[in-house]
Amino acid sequence: ALAPLPEEDTAALLGAAGFEALTVRRLHRLCRGDLRLLRSLVAALVAGQDLVAVPGTGERAWRGPLPVTPAVRDRLAPVLERAAPGEREILERLAFAEPARPPLYDLDLDVLEGLEAAGLITVDDAGTVALTDPLHGPALRAVTGRLRARRLSRAGADRGAALAAEQRLLEGRLAQLDVRPVATPVGDWAVAEGEPVPAGYAAVRARFARLGGAVRDAAAWAREGLRWAPGDAGCAAELALAQAESDESGQGFAEGDAYARYGAVRAGEPARALPAGSVLAQHAEALARRDGEALDRAATALAERGFLLFAAEAHAQAVRVHRDPRAGRRSRTRALALARRCQGARTPALAGLVLGELTARQRQIVALAAAGLSNKEIAERLTLSVRTVGNHLYSAYTRLGTGDRGALPCLLDRSA
C-alpha cells in the first residue's frame, strides 16, 4: 500500500516531466495522491496526445475531458453499480451540475440519504449537494452518451456571472490582505474544460496566486488569460511579475498600492505608508528594529494570512539578525520549509540562505554530498581523509539544522 502522494511531491514529479502548473493542480485534485491513478492518467494523456505545448515555456498543458482508464473505472465502480431507483439519475445530475453545485431542492430525500450514507455525496449547511470524490463528476460526464449529456448539461449562460462573483471574492480578499486559499470551482472548471476565461478574471487569479507564493500557478493563470485575450495588459504584467519571482531579477509586486510599497521591505529596506496594524506593517517595523524574534512573529502572521513567500523572506531576514545561533537555525529551517511550498520562487531575500552560513570547505563538501558522492569518494576527490569529510559534514548539518543527507539537494537548490 502506498501513502497518498502530497501535493508538493506531485508537483515536483509532474513538474520534472514538463507539466504546467494548472495541469498539475488538476491531476492532484482528481487523484488525491493516488499514485496508481496518477500514473494511469498521465500515461493516457501522453499516449492519447491530449497534452498541448504551452508557448515559450517548454511545458505541456491538459485541457478537456477526462480519459476513462481502467484505474478511473475502478474508482467509478461504486457509482456505476448503484442500482436503487433514482440513485444513478441523481449522481449524473450532480455531475452535470458542476462546477457551481447549487442546492437541488427537487431531489428525492430518501435517495439522497442513501447516497450520503454510502459516502458518495456531501451536503453542507446551506443544503448544497455535491459529489464527494472530485473524480466522479468528470468521470461520469466522460462515460455519459452525447444525447443524455446534452439533456443533463446546464446552460452556460450564468457561468459569466459566477466567474464575476469569484473575481469579486478574490479582489475583496486581496484588499483585506488575505490570500488564504478559497474555493473557486467555476474558474477551475472552466480552465480544465478548455472554456474561455476572461482576461480580468485570469489576471486576478494570477495575482492572488503570486502573492500567496504560488508563482508557477500565477504564471499559468496569466498565460491562460493571454491565450484568450492576446496582449491583455493586466495578464502580461502579472506574467512578468510571476517570472521575476522565479529568477531573482526583481521583486514581484504591483505598482500603486500597499503591495508595491511593501516591496522595499522584502528587499530589506525601510518602507512607509503601509496599512497601519497590518501584517505588512508588522514585518516592516520588525525589520526596521532588526529584531529577529519580531521578524519571526511577523513571518508567522504572514503565513496565517496565506503570504507564504513573504513569510519565508521574513524568516530569512531573521536568520541574519538573530544573535542566538539556535534561533537563527530555527528561522532558517522555517524559511526553507515555507520556500519549498512556493513552487521554486527565488528572490533576493532567500538568496544564499543555506550556503551563506557555511565555510568555503563546507560548501564544497556539502555540494558533492548533495550530488550523491559518498564520504570516501569526496575524500578521494578533495585529497582529504574520510574522517575530515565526516567532520565537515557534521558541522554543516549542525548549521543547516538537518541531519538528513537526502535533504541536501533541496537545500542547495533553494540557495543556488
Protein backbone atom coordinates (compact mmCIF):
# COMPACT_ATOMS: atom_id res chain seq x y z
CA ALA A 1 0.00 0.00 0.00
CA LEU A 2 1.26 3.45 -0.91
CA ALA A 3 0.50 6.51 1.19
CA PRO A 4 -1.17 9.37 -0.71
CA LEU A 5 1.37 11.49 -2.55
CA PRO A 6 1.45 15.02 -1.07
CA GLU A 7 0.67 17.90 -3.42
CA GLU A 8 4.23 19.22 -3.23
CA ASP A 9 5.61 15.85 -4.31
CA THR A 10 3.03 15.56 -7.08
CA ALA A 11 4.11 18.99 -8.30
CA ALA A 12 7.79 18.02 -8.18
CA LEU A 13 7.14 14.78 -10.06
CA LEU A 14 4.96 16.28 -12.79
CA GLY A 15 6.96 19.50 -12.98
CA ALA A 16 10.07 17.48 -13.77
CA ALA A 17 8.07 15.86 -16.58
CA GLY A 18 7.24 19.27 -18.05
CA PHE A 19 3.60 19.65 -16.94
CA GLU A 20 2.35 23.21 -16.43
CA ALA A 21 1.09 24.27 -13.02
CA LEU A 22 -2.66 24.27 -13.66
CA THR A 23 -2.45 20.77 -15.11
CA VAL A 24 -0.51 19.64 -12.04
CA ARG A 25 -3.20 21.10 -9.77
CA ARG A 26 -5.95 19.40 -11.75
CA LEU A 27 -4.28 16.00 -11.70
CA HIS A 28 -3.59 16.18 -7.98
CA ARG A 29 -7.17 17.25 -7.25
CA LEU A 30 -8.57 14.36 -9.29
CA CYS A 31 -6.17 11.72 -7.94
CA ARG A 32 -5.97 12.95 -4.32
CA GLY A 33 -2.49 11.49 -4.01
CA ASP A 34 -3.33 8.09 -5.55
CA LEU A 35 -0.09 7.31 -7.38
CA ARG A 36 -1.57 4.41 -9.33
CA LEU A 37 -4.38 6.59 -10.65
CA LEU A 38 -1.96 9.42 -11.40
CA ARG A 39 0.28 7.12 -13.40
CA SER A 40 -2.74 5.80 -15.31
CA LEU A 41 -3.98 9.28 -16.24
CA VAL A 42 -0.56 10.61 -17.24
CA ALA A 43 0.09 7.58 -19.44
CA ALA A 44 -3.30 8.03 -21.11
CA LEU A 45 -2.74 11.74 -21.69
CA VAL A 46 0.66 11.14 -23.26
CA ALA A 47 -0.50 8.21 -25.36
CA GLY A 48 -3.65 9.99 -26.49
CA GLN A 49 -1.79 13.18 -27.41
CA ASP A 50 -4.10 15.16 -25.13
CA LEU A 51 -1.26 17.42 -23.96
CA VAL A 52 -0.64 20.68 -25.79
CA ALA A 53 2.54 22.75 -25.75
CA VAL A 54 2.47 25.99 -23.76
CA PRO A 55 4.16 28.60 -26.00
CA GLY A 56 7.51 29.86 -24.79
CA THR A 57 7.81 27.56 -21.79
CA GLY A 58 8.68 24.02 -22.85
CA GLU A 59 5.73 22.87 -20.70
CA ARG A 60 2.64 20.87 -21.62
CA ALA A 61 -0.94 21.51 -20.58
CA TRP A 62 -4.05 19.34 -20.40
CA ARG A 63 -7.41 20.85 -21.25
CA GLY A 64 -10.53 18.86 -21.99
CA PRO A 65 -12.35 15.69 -20.87
CA LEU A 66 -11.04 13.03 -18.54
CA PRO A 67 -9.61 9.89 -20.19
CA VAL A 68 -11.51 6.86 -18.91
CA THR A 69 -8.70 4.48 -18.00
CA PRO A 70 -9.09 1.15 -16.17
CA ALA A 71 -7.98 2.87 -12.96
CA VAL A 72 -10.65 5.55 -13.46
CA ARG A 73 -13.30 2.86 -14.00
CA ASP A 74 -12.20 1.17 -10.77
CA ARG A 75 -12.73 4.42 -8.87
CA LEU A 76 -16.04 5.00 -10.65
CA ALA A 77 -17.37 1.49 -9.94
CA PRO A 78 -19.22 2.44 -6.70
CA VAL A 79 -21.18 4.99 -8.74
CA LEU A 80 -21.87 2.84 -11.79
CA GLU A 81 -23.04 -0.04 -9.61
CA ARG A 82 -25.76 1.97 -7.84
CA ALA A 83 -28.95 0.08 -8.68
CA ALA A 84 -31.52 1.62 -6.35
CA PRO A 85 -34.23 3.62 -8.17
CA GLY A 86 -33.18 7.19 -8.82
CA GLU A 87 -29.64 6.92 -7.44
CA ARG A 88 -27.78 6.89 -10.76
CA GLU A 89 -30.00 9.70 -12.03
CA ILE A 90 -29.13 11.93 -9.06
CA LEU A 91 -25.40 11.18 -9.33
CA GLU A 92 -25.44 12.09 -13.01
CA ARG A 93 -27.42 15.27 -12.35
CA LEU A 94 -24.87 16.29 -9.75
CA ALA A 95 -22.02 15.54 -12.18
CA PHE A 96 -23.54 17.80 -14.82
CA ALA A 97 -24.42 20.48 -12.25
CA GLU A 98 -20.72 21.10 -11.68
CA PRO A 99 -18.98 23.45 -11.22
CA ALA A 100 -21.47 25.66 -9.39
CA ARG A 101 -23.13 22.81 -7.45
CA PRO A 102 -26.30 24.68 -6.49
CA PRO A 103 -28.84 23.37 -3.98
CA LEU A 104 -31.10 20.92 -5.81
CA TYR A 105 -34.30 21.03 -3.77
CA ASP A 106 -36.29 18.72 -6.04
CA LEU A 107 -34.13 15.64 -5.33
CA ASP A 108 -35.65 12.66 -3.56
CA LEU A 109 -34.69 12.90 0.13
CA ASP A 110 -34.69 9.14 0.72
CA VAL A 111 -32.34 8.59 -2.21
CA LEU A 112 -30.06 11.40 -1.03
CA GLU A 113 -29.84 9.89 2.43
CA GLY A 114 -28.79 6.55 0.94
CA LEU A 115 -26.10 8.18 -1.21
CA GLU A 116 -24.86 10.21 1.76
CA ALA A 117 -24.67 7.09 3.93
CA ALA A 118 -22.63 5.42 1.17
CA GLY A 119 -20.18 8.33 1.21
CA LEU A 120 -20.87 9.29 -2.41
CA ILE A 121 -22.30 12.76 -1.76
CA THR A 122 -21.88 15.55 0.77
CA VAL A 123 -24.45 18.07 1.97
CA ASP A 124 -23.29 21.34 3.52
CA ASP A 125 -25.10 23.61 5.99
CA ALA A 126 -26.67 25.58 3.13
CA GLY A 127 -28.19 22.43 1.67
CA THR A 128 -25.82 22.28 -1.27
CA VAL A 129 -25.40 18.71 -2.52
CA ALA A 130 -22.12 17.69 -4.20
CA LEU A 131 -20.25 14.57 -5.20
CA THR A 132 -17.72 13.54 -2.57
CA ASP A 133 -14.96 12.31 -4.88
CA PRO A 134 -13.68 15.03 -7.26
CA LEU A 135 -13.01 12.33 -9.85
CA HIS A 136 -16.62 11.17 -10.07
CA GLY A 137 -18.03 14.26 -11.81
CA PRO A 138 -15.55 14.32 -14.71
CA ALA A 139 -15.69 10.52 -14.99
CA LEU A 140 -19.49 10.42 -15.16
CA ARG A 141 -19.52 13.16 -17.79
CA ALA A 142 -16.95 11.21 -19.81
CA VAL A 143 -18.98 7.96 -19.86
CA THR A 144 -22.39 9.53 -20.49
CA GLY A 145 -23.77 9.39 -24.02
CA ARG A 146 -23.94 12.58 -26.06
CA LEU A 147 -27.74 12.91 -26.14
CA ARG A 148 -28.11 12.27 -22.41
CA ALA A 149 -25.24 14.63 -21.68
CA ARG A 150 -26.95 17.35 -23.69
CA ARG A 151 -30.14 16.87 -21.66
CA LEU A 152 -28.32 16.95 -18.34
CA SER A 153 -25.95 19.81 -19.11
CA ARG A 154 -26.58 23.14 -17.51
CA ALA A 155 -26.93 26.18 -19.74
CA GLY A 156 -23.69 28.12 -19.70
CA ALA A 157 -25.40 31.50 -19.68
CA ASP A 158 -24.84 32.08 -15.96
CA ARG A 159 -21.22 30.96 -15.95
CA GLY A 160 -20.03 34.50 -16.68
CA ALA A 161 -21.90 35.79 -13.65
CA ALA A 162 -20.40 33.02 -11.49
CA LEU A 163 -16.88 33.87 -12.70
CA ALA A 164 -17.51 37.55 -11.94
CA ALA A 165 -18.65 36.61 -8.43
CA GLU A 166 -15.47 34.60 -7.86
CA GLN A 167 -13.41 37.52 -9.15
CA ARG A 168 -15.09 39.91 -6.71
CA LEU A 169 -14.45 37.46 -3.87
CA LEU A 170 -10.72 37.32 -4.70
CA GLU A 171 -10.46 41.08 -5.12
CA GLY A 172 -12.08 41.55 -1.73
CA ARG A 173 -9.63 39.18 -0.10
CA LEU A 174 -6.70 40.99 -1.74
CA ALA A 175 -7.98 44.31 -0.39
CA GLN A 176 -8.17 42.73 3.08
CA LEU A 177 -4.55 41.49 2.80
CA ASP A 178 -5.73 37.90 3.00
CA VAL A 179 -4.66 35.40 0.33
CA ARG A 180 -5.56 32.16 2.05
CA PRO A 181 -6.93 29.67 -0.50
CA VAL A 182 -10.65 29.94 -1.22
CA ALA A 183 -12.95 27.74 -3.27
CA THR A 184 -13.08 28.84 -6.92
CA PRO A 185 -14.88 25.93 -8.60
CA VAL A 186 -16.17 27.82 -11.64
CA GLY A 187 -12.79 29.16 -12.73
CA ASP A 188 -11.06 25.85 -12.07
CA TRP A 189 -13.71 24.03 -14.09
CA ALA A 190 -13.53 26.50 -16.98
CA VAL A 191 -9.77 26.23 -17.39
CA ALA A 192 -9.83 22.43 -17.03
CA GLU A 193 -12.51 22.06 -19.69
CA GLY A 194 -10.78 24.46 -22.06
CA GLU A 195 -13.58 27.04 -21.82
CA PRO A 196 -12.75 30.72 -22.46
CA VAL A 197 -11.51 32.52 -19.35
CA PRO A 198 -12.00 36.32 -19.17
CA ALA A 199 -8.67 38.15 -19.02
CA GLY A 200 -9.76 40.18 -15.98
CA TYR A 201 -10.57 37.02 -14.05
CA ALA A 202 -7.29 35.36 -15.10
CA ALA A 203 -5.26 38.40 -14.02
CA VAL A 204 -6.87 38.42 -10.56
CA ARG A 205 -6.29 34.66 -10.20
CA ALA A 206 -2.66 35.20 -11.20
CA ARG A 207 -2.18 37.98 -8.67
CA PHE A 208 -3.86 36.03 -5.87
CA ALA A 209 -1.63 33.02 -6.58
CA ARG A 210 1.54 35.11 -6.85
CA LEU A 211 1.01 36.94 -3.57
CA GLY A 212 0.38 33.58 -1.94
CA GLY A 213 3.74 32.32 -3.20
CA ALA A 214 2.36 30.01 -5.93
CA VAL A 215 4.50 31.61 -8.63
CA ARG A 216 4.09 28.84 -11.22
CA ASP A 217 0.31 28.91 -10.78
CA ALA A 218 0.42 32.68 -11.21
CA ALA A 219 2.34 32.45 -14.47
CA ALA A 220 -0.01 29.74 -15.75
CA TRP A 221 -3.12 31.81 -14.99
CA ALA A 222 -1.60 34.84 -16.70
CA ARG A 223 -0.82 32.77 -19.79
CA GLU A 224 -4.36 31.36 -19.75
CA GLY A 225 -5.73 34.88 -19.86
CA LEU A 226 -3.37 35.81 -22.69
CA ARG A 227 -4.46 32.70 -24.56
CA TRP A 228 -7.98 34.11 -24.89
CA ALA A 229 -7.04 37.80 -24.94
CA PRO A 230 -3.57 38.20 -26.52
CA GLY A 231 -1.93 41.43 -25.49
CA ASP A 232 -4.05 41.99 -22.38
CA ALA A 233 -2.05 44.41 -20.24
CA GLY A 234 -3.15 43.01 -16.88
CA CYS A 235 -2.23 39.42 -17.69
CA ALA A 236 1.04 40.49 -19.35
CA ALA A 237 2.01 42.44 -16.22
CA GLU A 238 1.18 39.53 -13.93
CA LEU A 239 3.19 37.13 -16.09
CA ALA A 240 6.23 39.41 -15.86
CA LEU A 241 5.87 39.72 -12.09
CA ALA A 242 5.49 35.96 -11.61
CA GLN A 243 8.61 35.37 -13.71
CA ALA A 244 10.50 37.96 -11.66
CA GLU A 245 9.77 35.96 -8.50
CA SER A 246 11.41 32.92 -10.08
CA ASP A 247 14.77 34.26 -11.24
CA GLU A 248 15.89 36.76 -8.60
CA SER A 249 15.81 39.51 -11.24
CA GLY A 250 13.43 41.63 -9.20
CA GLN A 251 10.53 41.74 -6.76
CA GLY A 252 7.06 40.70 -7.82
CA PHE A 253 4.74 43.48 -6.72
CA ALA A 254 2.21 45.65 -8.48
CA GLU A 255 2.60 49.41 -8.79
CA GLY A 256 0.46 51.92 -6.97
CA ASP A 257 -0.73 50.03 -3.89
CA ALA A 258 0.35 48.76 -0.48
CA TYR A 259 1.93 45.68 -2.05
CA ALA A 260 4.18 47.93 -4.15
CA ARG A 261 5.37 49.84 -1.09
CA TYR A 262 5.88 46.55 0.71
CA GLY A 263 8.40 45.57 -1.97
CA ALA A 264 11.03 47.66 -0.19
CA VAL A 265 10.56 45.63 2.99
CA ARG A 266 11.01 42.40 1.06
CA ALA A 267 14.27 43.81 -0.27
CA GLY A 268 15.43 44.55 3.30
CA GLU A 269 14.86 48.31 3.19
CA PRO A 270 12.61 50.66 5.21
CA ALA A 271 9.09 51.31 3.93
CA ARG A 272 6.44 53.86 4.80
CA ALA A 273 2.69 54.28 4.40
CA LEU A 274 1.82 50.64 4.85
CA PRO A 275 -1.67 49.92 6.25
CA ALA A 276 -1.45 50.59 9.98
CA GLY A 277 -1.59 47.48 12.11
CA SER A 278 -1.44 45.18 9.09
CA VAL A 279 0.80 42.14 8.75
CA LEU A 280 2.79 44.08 6.14
CA ALA A 281 3.40 46.93 8.61
CA GLN A 282 4.31 44.42 11.34
CA HIS A 283 7.02 42.99 9.09
CA ALA A 284 8.31 46.47 8.20
CA GLU A 285 8.54 47.53 11.85
CA ALA A 286 10.39 44.36 12.86
CA LEU A 287 12.85 44.83 10.02
CA ALA A 288 13.47 48.46 10.95
CA ARG A 289 14.33 47.38 14.52
CA ARG A 290 16.41 44.43 13.25
CA ASP A 291 14.55 42.31 15.78
CA GLY A 292 14.86 38.62 14.94
CA GLU A 293 12.09 37.45 17.25
CA ALA A 294 9.73 40.13 15.92
CA LEU A 295 10.58 39.11 12.35
CA ASP A 296 9.72 35.50 13.20
CA ARG A 297 6.40 36.63 14.68
CA ALA A 298 5.71 38.71 11.57
CA ALA A 299 6.51 35.68 9.44
CA THR A 300 4.02 33.59 11.38
CA ALA A 301 1.34 36.26 10.92
CA LEU A 302 2.08 36.48 7.19
CA ALA A 303 1.82 32.71 6.79
CA GLU A 304 -1.52 32.69 8.63
CA ARG A 305 -2.80 35.17 6.02
CA GLY A 306 -1.58 32.98 3.18
CA PHE A 307 1.53 35.01 2.27
CA LEU A 308 3.87 32.02 2.24
CA LEU A 309 6.66 33.61 0.19
CA PHE A 310 6.62 36.81 2.24
CA ALA A 311 6.73 34.69 5.41
CA ALA A 312 9.73 32.75 4.11
CA GLU A 313 11.50 36.03 3.38
CA ALA A 314 10.76 37.40 6.87
CA HIS A 315 12.21 34.26 8.46
CA ALA A 316 15.25 34.55 6.16
CA GLN A 317 15.77 38.13 7.32
CA ALA A 318 15.50 36.94 10.93
CA VAL A 319 18.35 34.47 10.32
CA ARG A 320 20.69 37.37 9.59
CA VAL A 321 19.88 39.38 12.72
CA HIS A 322 19.47 36.70 15.39
CA ARG A 323 22.28 36.75 17.93
CA ASP A 324 21.48 33.28 19.23
CA PRO A 325 22.72 30.69 16.68
CA ARG A 326 19.98 28.28 17.72
CA ALA A 327 17.29 30.87 17.00
CA GLY A 328 18.94 31.53 13.65
CA ARG A 329 18.82 27.85 12.76
CA ARG A 330 15.14 27.66 13.67
CA SER A 331 14.37 30.65 11.46
CA ARG A 332 16.37 29.14 8.60
CA THR A 333 14.52 25.84 8.87
CA ARG A 334 11.17 27.62 8.83
CA ALA A 335 12.20 29.79 5.89
CA LEU A 336 13.27 26.76 3.89
CA ALA A 337 10.08 24.86 4.72
CA LEU A 338 7.91 27.75 3.55
CA ALA A 339 10.02 28.47 0.48
CA ARG A 340 9.69 24.84 -0.59
CA ARG A 341 5.93 25.41 -0.87
CA CYS A 342 6.40 28.39 -3.20
CA GLN A 343 6.93 26.49 -6.45
CA GLY A 344 10.59 27.34 -6.94
CA ALA A 345 10.38 31.05 -6.10
CA ARG A 346 13.86 32.61 -5.97
CA THR A 347 14.02 36.10 -4.54
CA PRO A 348 16.87 38.25 -3.21
CA ALA A 349 15.79 37.71 0.40
CA LEU A 350 16.13 33.94 0.00
CA ALA A 351 19.42 34.02 -1.91
CA GLY A 352 22.29 32.35 -0.07
CA LEU A 353 20.01 31.28 2.75
CA VAL A 354 21.82 27.98 3.19
CA LEU A 355 25.29 28.11 1.76
CA GLY A 356 25.96 31.59 3.06
CA GLU A 357 26.08 30.09 6.55
CA LEU A 358 28.85 27.60 5.71
CA THR A 359 32.60 27.87 5.29
CA ALA A 360 34.08 27.53 1.81
CA ARG A 361 35.24 23.95 2.52
CA GLN A 362 31.85 23.02 4.00
CA ARG A 363 30.07 24.41 0.93
CA GLN A 364 32.34 22.37 -1.31
CA ILE A 365 31.77 19.12 0.60
CA VAL A 366 28.03 19.65 1.01
CA ALA A 367 27.68 20.28 -2.73
CA LEU A 368 29.44 16.98 -3.51
CA ALA A 369 27.36 15.11 -0.93
CA ALA A 370 24.20 16.55 -2.46
CA ALA A 371 25.38 15.30 -5.85
CA GLY A 372 25.36 11.76 -4.44
CA LEU A 373 29.03 11.18 -3.67
CA SER A 374 29.91 9.08 -0.63
CA ASN A 375 32.27 10.35 2.06
CA LYS A 376 35.02 8.13 0.63
CA GLU A 377 34.51 9.48 -2.90
CA ILE A 378 34.53 13.08 -1.60
CA ALA A 379 37.73 12.40 0.34
CA GLU A 380 39.44 10.99 -2.77
CA ARG A 381 38.34 13.91 -4.94
CA LEU A 382 39.47 16.59 -2.46
CA THR A 383 42.53 14.70 -1.14
CA LEU A 384 41.19 14.63 2.39
CA SER A 385 40.73 11.89 4.95
CA VAL A 386 37.31 10.29 5.24
CA ARG A 387 37.24 11.39 8.87
CA THR A 388 37.84 15.04 7.88
CA VAL A 389 34.99 14.88 5.37
CA GLY A 390 32.71 13.43 8.04
CA ASN A 391 33.64 16.17 10.50
CA HIS A 392 32.92 18.90 7.93
CA LEU A 393 29.56 17.34 7.10
CA TYR A 394 28.67 17.08 10.78
CA SER A 395 29.43 20.77 11.28
CA ALA A 396 27.47 21.65 8.16
CA TYR A 397 24.47 19.62 9.31
CA THR A 398 24.55 21.48 12.63
CA ARG A 399 24.47 24.85 10.88
CA LEU A 400 21.83 23.80 8.40
CA GLY A 401 19.55 22.40 11.08
CA THR A 402 19.29 18.99 9.44
CA GLY A 403 20.93 15.60 9.76
CA ASP A 404 19.35 14.20 6.61
CA ARG A 405 21.79 13.73 3.73
CA GLY A 406 18.81 13.22 1.42
CA ALA A 407 17.59 16.76 2.15
CA LEU A 408 20.79 18.38 0.87
CA PRO A 409 19.75 18.64 -2.82
CA CYS A 410 16.61 20.54 -1.83
CA LEU A 411 18.55 22.84 0.48
CA LEU A 412 21.17 23.61 -2.12
CA ASP A 413 18.57 24.23 -4.80
CA ARG A 414 16.91 26.77 -2.53
CA SER A 415 20.19 28.63 -2.04
CA ALA A 416 21.52 28.47 -5.59
